[in-house]
Protein backbone atom coordinates (compact mmCIF):
# COMPACT_ATOMS: atom_id res chain seq x y z
CA MET A 1 -5.31 57.26 -54.82
CA LYS A 2 -8.47 56.66 -56.78
CA ILE A 3 -10.42 54.11 -54.72
CA THR A 4 -13.69 52.41 -55.56
CA ILE A 5 -15.83 51.23 -52.64
CA THR A 6 -18.65 48.68 -52.69
CA GLY A 7 -21.31 48.49 -49.99
CA SER A 8 -23.06 51.82 -50.65
CA LEU A 9 -23.29 53.90 -47.43
CA GLY A 10 -23.52 50.90 -45.12
CA ASN A 11 -22.22 50.41 -41.60
CA ILE A 12 -18.63 49.99 -42.80
CA SER A 13 -18.55 51.68 -46.21
CA LYS A 14 -19.87 55.05 -45.02
CA PRO A 15 -17.26 55.67 -42.29
CA LEU A 16 -14.61 54.15 -44.55
CA THR A 17 -15.51 56.53 -47.37
CA LYS A 18 -15.45 59.52 -45.04
CA GLU A 19 -12.03 58.59 -43.66
CA LEU A 20 -10.53 57.99 -47.10
CA LEU A 21 -11.85 61.35 -48.29
CA GLN A 22 -10.35 63.05 -45.24
CA LYS A 23 -7.01 61.47 -46.12
CA GLY A 24 -7.18 63.06 -49.57
CA HIS A 25 -8.20 60.09 -51.71
CA THR A 26 -10.71 60.26 -54.56
CA VAL A 27 -13.51 57.83 -53.76
CA THR A 28 -16.23 56.30 -55.93
CA VAL A 29 -19.01 54.51 -54.04
CA ILE A 30 -21.08 51.78 -55.68
CA SER A 31 -24.72 51.55 -54.66
CA SER A 32 -27.65 49.62 -56.11
CA LYS A 33 -30.07 52.38 -55.07
CA ALA A 34 -30.35 55.50 -57.23
CA GLU A 35 -31.75 57.46 -54.28
CA ARG A 36 -28.38 57.04 -52.54
CA GLN A 37 -26.59 59.12 -55.15
CA LYS A 38 -27.29 62.47 -53.50
CA ASP A 39 -26.17 61.15 -50.09
CA ILE A 40 -22.95 59.79 -51.56
CA GLU A 41 -22.21 63.06 -53.32
CA ALA A 42 -23.09 65.03 -50.19
CA ILE A 43 -20.10 63.56 -48.33
CA GLY A 44 -17.76 64.32 -51.25
CA ALA A 45 -17.60 60.98 -53.07
CA LYS A 46 -18.64 60.03 -56.58
CA ALA A 47 -21.63 57.71 -56.99
CA ALA A 48 -21.85 54.72 -59.32
CA ILE A 49 -25.31 53.16 -59.45
CA GLY A 50 -25.44 49.48 -60.32
CA THR A 51 -25.39 46.00 -58.83
CA MET A 52 -22.84 43.40 -57.78
CA GLU A 53 -24.63 40.97 -60.10
CA ASP A 54 -23.70 43.09 -63.16
CA THR A 55 -20.14 42.17 -64.07
CA ASP A 56 -19.90 44.65 -66.95
CA PHE A 57 -20.98 47.49 -64.64
CA LEU A 58 -18.42 46.44 -62.02
CA SER A 59 -15.63 46.21 -64.58
CA ALA A 60 -16.41 49.64 -66.01
CA THR A 61 -16.59 51.18 -62.53
CA PHE A 62 -13.35 49.53 -61.34
CA LYS A 63 -11.45 50.62 -64.47
CA GLY A 64 -8.96 53.36 -63.69
CA ALA A 65 -9.06 52.77 -59.93
CA ASP A 66 -5.77 52.46 -58.08
CA ALA A 67 -7.47 50.18 -55.56
CA VAL A 68 -10.88 48.69 -54.82
CA TYR A 69 -12.70 47.58 -51.69
CA VAL A 70 -15.06 44.66 -52.27
CA MET A 71 -17.62 43.11 -49.95
CA GLU A 72 -20.57 40.78 -50.49
CA THR A 73 -24.12 41.37 -49.35
CA LEU A 74 -27.58 40.24 -50.35
CA GLY A 75 -29.53 43.28 -49.24
CA GLY A 76 -30.60 42.75 -45.66
CA ALA A 77 -31.65 40.18 -43.06
CA HIS A 78 -34.93 39.50 -44.89
CA THR A 79 -32.99 37.43 -47.42
CA PHE A 80 -32.41 34.81 -44.71
CA PHE A 81 -36.14 34.14 -44.76
CA ASP A 82 -36.35 33.61 -48.53
CA LYS A 83 -36.80 29.86 -48.84
CA ASN A 84 -36.04 29.99 -52.57
CA LEU A 85 -32.66 31.71 -52.16
CA ASP A 86 -29.40 29.77 -52.00
CA VAL A 87 -27.47 32.26 -49.88
CA VAL A 88 -24.10 30.51 -50.15
CA GLY A 89 -24.51 30.08 -53.91
CA ALA A 90 -25.58 33.71 -54.44
CA ILE A 91 -22.65 35.09 -52.44
CA THR A 92 -20.22 32.79 -54.24
CA LYS A 93 -21.53 34.11 -57.57
CA ILE A 94 -20.85 37.68 -56.45
CA GLY A 95 -17.29 36.61 -55.63
CA ASN A 96 -16.89 35.31 -59.17
CA ASN A 97 -18.27 38.62 -60.53
CA TYR A 98 -15.68 40.54 -58.54
CA LYS A 99 -12.88 38.32 -59.79
CA GLN A 100 -13.91 38.82 -63.41
CA ALA A 101 -14.39 42.57 -63.03
CA ILE A 102 -11.06 43.09 -61.23
CA ASP A 103 -9.27 41.10 -63.92
CA GLN A 104 -10.97 42.92 -66.81
CA ALA A 105 -10.41 46.34 -65.25
CA GLY A 106 -6.73 45.69 -64.58
CA VAL A 107 -6.92 46.63 -60.90
CA LYS A 108 -3.78 45.59 -59.00
CA ARG A 109 -4.72 46.46 -55.40
CA VAL A 110 -7.73 44.88 -53.69
CA VAL A 111 -9.03 45.01 -50.13
CA HIS A 112 -11.63 42.31 -49.53
CA LEU A 113 -14.01 42.20 -46.57
CA SER A 114 -13.98 38.56 -45.55
CA SER A 115 -14.74 37.16 -42.09
CA ILE A 116 -13.68 35.11 -39.14
CA GLY A 117 -14.07 31.47 -40.16
CA ALA A 118 -12.80 32.01 -43.71
CA HIS A 119 -9.74 29.89 -42.91
CA THR A 120 -11.76 26.69 -43.44
CA ASP A 121 -14.72 25.31 -45.34
CA LYS A 122 -15.56 22.75 -42.69
CA GLY A 123 -17.74 23.12 -39.61
CA VAL A 124 -18.37 26.87 -39.72
CA GLY A 125 -21.88 26.89 -41.17
CA MET A 126 -22.92 30.04 -43.06
CA LEU A 127 -19.38 31.42 -42.96
CA THR A 128 -18.33 28.88 -45.59
CA PHE A 129 -19.11 31.40 -48.33
CA HIS A 130 -16.31 33.67 -47.07
CA HIS A 131 -13.84 30.81 -47.56
CA ASN A 132 -15.27 30.27 -51.05
CA VAL A 133 -14.91 33.91 -52.07
CA GLU A 134 -11.36 34.20 -50.70
CA ASN A 135 -10.37 31.20 -52.81
CA ILE A 136 -12.07 32.66 -55.89
CA LEU A 137 -10.17 35.94 -55.52
CA LYS A 138 -6.91 34.02 -54.97
CA GLN A 139 -7.30 32.75 -58.54
CA LEU A 140 -6.49 36.24 -59.82
CA PRO A 141 -2.96 36.70 -61.24
CA TYR A 142 -0.44 37.02 -58.44
CA ASP A 143 0.48 40.56 -59.49
CA VAL A 144 -2.94 41.50 -58.08
CA SER A 145 -2.23 42.17 -54.41
CA ILE A 146 -5.14 41.30 -52.10
CA LYS A 147 -5.64 42.13 -48.44
CA PHE A 148 -8.20 39.83 -46.85
CA MET A 149 -9.82 41.57 -43.89
CA ARG A 150 -11.33 39.09 -41.41
CA PRO A 151 -13.50 40.86 -38.83
CA VAL A 152 -15.09 38.85 -36.04
CA GLY A 153 -18.76 38.96 -35.01
CA PHE A 154 -20.31 42.42 -35.39
CA TYR A 155 -21.70 44.11 -32.29
CA TYR A 156 -24.86 45.04 -34.16
CA ASN A 157 -25.71 41.35 -34.57
CA MET A 158 -26.60 41.56 -30.86
CA PHE A 159 -29.72 43.48 -31.82
CA GLY A 160 -31.02 40.03 -32.68
CA PHE A 161 -31.10 39.30 -28.94
CA ILE A 162 -33.83 41.88 -28.33
CA PRO A 163 -36.91 39.70 -29.08
CA THR A 164 -36.02 36.99 -26.54
CA ILE A 165 -34.92 39.55 -23.95
CA LYS A 166 -38.34 41.18 -24.21
CA ALA A 167 -40.29 37.92 -24.37
CA GLN A 168 -38.32 35.67 -22.03
CA ASN A 169 -35.97 38.02 -20.17
CA ALA A 170 -32.93 36.13 -21.46
CA ILE A 171 -30.46 35.97 -24.33
CA ILE A 172 -30.97 32.53 -25.85
CA SER A 173 -28.55 30.69 -28.13
CA ASN A 174 -26.99 27.26 -28.63
CA TYR A 175 -23.74 28.32 -27.02
CA GLY A 176 -22.85 30.28 -23.90
CA GLY A 177 -20.68 30.27 -20.79
CA ASP A 178 -17.57 32.06 -19.59
CA GLU A 179 -15.19 31.53 -22.51
CA ARG A 180 -14.33 34.87 -24.07
CA GLU A 181 -14.86 35.47 -27.78
CA PRO A 182 -14.09 38.51 -29.93
CA TRP A 183 -16.59 41.10 -31.18
CA VAL A 184 -16.07 44.13 -33.40
CA SER A 185 -17.49 47.56 -34.22
CA PRO A 186 -17.95 48.51 -37.89
CA LEU A 187 -16.17 51.78 -37.04
CA ASP A 188 -13.05 49.87 -36.01
CA ILE A 189 -13.30 47.79 -39.19
CA ALA A 190 -13.48 50.97 -41.29
CA ALA A 191 -10.46 52.44 -39.49
CA VAL A 192 -8.37 49.32 -40.13
CA ILE A 193 -9.33 49.16 -43.80
CA ALA A 194 -8.52 52.85 -44.29
CA GLU A 195 -5.15 52.19 -42.69
CA GLU A 196 -4.51 49.23 -44.98
CA PHE A 197 -5.15 51.30 -48.11
CA GLU A 198 -2.21 53.54 -47.15
CA LYS A 199 0.18 50.67 -46.41
CA PRO A 200 2.13 48.78 -49.09
CA PHE A 201 0.33 45.99 -50.96
CA ASN A 202 2.43 42.83 -51.11
CA GLY A 203 0.94 39.66 -52.54
CA ARG A 204 -1.77 38.07 -50.43
CA GLU A 205 -2.21 39.19 -46.81
CA ILE A 206 -4.69 38.43 -44.02
CA ARG A 207 -5.60 40.67 -41.09
CA TYR A 208 -8.11 39.92 -38.35
CA ILE A 209 -10.11 42.80 -36.86
CA ALA A 210 -11.62 42.86 -33.36
CA SER A 211 -12.67 45.50 -30.84
CA ASP A 212 -13.22 43.57 -27.59
CA GLU A 213 -13.17 40.05 -26.16
CA VAL A 214 -16.01 39.11 -23.81
CA SER A 215 -17.77 35.92 -22.78
CA PRO A 216 -21.49 35.29 -23.36
CA ASN A 217 -22.12 35.74 -19.63
CA GLU A 218 -20.25 39.06 -19.68
CA VAL A 219 -22.31 40.14 -22.71
CA ALA A 220 -25.51 39.47 -20.76
CA LYS A 221 -24.21 41.42 -17.77
CA ILE A 222 -23.07 44.47 -19.76
CA LEU A 223 -26.16 44.64 -21.97
CA GLY A 224 -28.43 43.92 -19.00
CA GLU A 225 -27.02 46.80 -17.01
CA ALA A 226 -27.38 49.12 -20.01
CA ILE A 227 -31.10 48.34 -20.43
CA GLY A 228 -31.99 48.31 -16.75
CA LYS A 229 -32.07 44.52 -16.43
CA PRO A 230 -29.03 43.80 -14.24
CA HIS A 231 -30.05 40.16 -13.75
CA LEU A 232 -30.23 39.39 -17.47
CA LYS A 233 -28.91 35.89 -18.20
CA TRP A 234 -27.48 34.15 -21.26
CA LEU A 235 -29.31 30.84 -21.63
CA ALA A 236 -27.68 28.06 -23.67
CA ILE A 237 -30.13 25.64 -25.30
CA SER A 238 -29.58 22.55 -27.45
CA ASP A 239 -28.71 22.77 -31.13
CA GLU A 240 -32.04 21.16 -31.99
CA GLN A 241 -34.00 23.68 -29.93
CA PHE A 242 -32.11 26.57 -31.47
CA LEU A 243 -32.59 25.28 -35.02
CA ASN A 244 -36.28 24.65 -34.47
CA GLY A 245 -36.69 28.16 -33.10
CA LEU A 246 -35.16 29.69 -36.23
CA LEU A 247 -37.33 27.53 -38.46
CA ALA A 248 -40.43 28.47 -36.47
CA ALA A 249 -39.55 32.14 -37.00
CA GLY A 250 -39.67 31.53 -40.75
CA MET A 251 -35.97 31.38 -41.55
CA SER A 252 -35.05 29.29 -44.59
CA PRO A 253 -33.77 25.78 -43.72
CA GLN A 254 -30.37 26.41 -45.34
CA THR A 255 -29.81 29.60 -43.39
CA ALA A 256 -31.16 28.22 -40.10
CA GLN A 257 -28.86 25.22 -40.36
CA GLY A 258 -25.97 27.50 -41.28
CA PHE A 259 -26.42 29.73 -38.24
CA THR A 260 -26.79 26.72 -35.95
CA GLU A 261 -23.56 25.17 -37.26
CA MET A 262 -21.75 28.50 -36.98
CA ASN A 263 -22.61 28.69 -33.29
CA VAL A 264 -21.48 25.09 -32.78
CA SER A 265 -18.08 26.13 -34.16
CA ARG A 266 -17.92 28.86 -31.50
CA ARG A 267 -18.17 26.21 -28.81
CA GLY A 268 -15.59 23.86 -30.20
CA GLY A 269 -12.83 26.34 -30.94
CA VAL A 270 -12.92 25.71 -34.70
CA LEU A 271 -14.17 29.21 -35.49
CA TYR A 272 -11.44 31.02 -33.56
CA GLN A 273 -8.50 28.69 -34.18
CA ASP A 274 -6.77 30.81 -36.82
CA TYR A 275 -7.74 34.04 -35.05
CA GLN A 276 -5.97 32.86 -31.90
CA ASN A 277 -2.82 32.20 -33.93
CA ASN A 278 -2.97 35.67 -35.53
CA LYS A 279 -4.53 37.86 -32.85
CA PRO A 280 -4.88 41.54 -33.76
CA THR A 281 -4.50 44.58 -31.57
CA LEU A 282 -8.00 45.29 -30.29
CA GLY A 283 -9.78 48.40 -31.56
CA LYS A 284 -11.07 51.40 -29.64
CA ILE A 285 -14.79 50.67 -29.34
CA LYS A 286 -15.60 48.32 -26.49
CA LEU A 287 -18.78 46.41 -25.72
CA LYS A 288 -19.64 48.93 -23.01
CA ASP A 289 -19.59 51.65 -25.69
CA PHE A 290 -21.89 49.65 -27.95
CA ALA A 291 -24.20 48.87 -25.02
CA LYS A 292 -25.40 52.49 -25.12
CA ASP A 293 -26.51 52.02 -28.74
CA PHE A 294 -28.08 48.69 -27.82
CA ALA A 295 -30.07 50.31 -25.04
CA ALA A 296 -31.32 53.04 -27.37
CA VAL A 297 -32.60 50.50 -29.89
CA PHE A 298 -34.01 48.26 -27.14
CA ASN A 299 -36.02 51.11 -25.69
CA GLN A 300 -37.40 52.10 -29.11
CA LYS A 301 -38.88 48.69 -29.85
């Protein structure tokens, strides 16, 4: 198949592109950075340089593709600290751009990277935009088959724990305890998406993706042992304390509130309700595998 991939050579798109190429597909990778072109071509894919904000570019690049993989991003964690940026609004606009481009290009097979929490627009904080984009794409004609991939929390988000581990010898958040929650490796996400491209496309489908299920206290134990801090603890603080800490770090109020509410939904079961009803087979890469990468980054900083 001719497949167009968004996400440049990111944590998911790069291994996905490599796997699709190995399976014999022709892959075009969209990147907003011209300097990425040589890296994209080096792995055997075609490069298309442009942005998700440019609907005409997207439509032209999607045209002729047998299938497309679409995901939304705003270019890095620094965007969460831009007080003038409406993150939810900007992501929702990208979703509308995808819808228009897919429709104009006549693409009939779509794989969309969504997220845990996309099943609702209530009580999941920042994840609301995934619900919005899913609903936007569902407005496409029904002969456009869409697979909504809903990964859980990414392991690499745990790198955000490093500052408080170094400063206060603890992982600090507004949730915690012994209740297990799912986490996922981008490599397992890429493997699932590659698999889905080779399966039949039938209407609208949803698939959750997870690698491991561990509790906050287990996370602290596994990461602590990996970095030589076997007594590392996960400390749960109040929502107000957590929110104020994000604001003090310079995060925009919208984003800080969104992350706080997202964590509240982890405590109450709202976030994982639909996941529990549609549990996937867990992937290959476990938290103990990721802990080695965590330790390497921890020791560099």
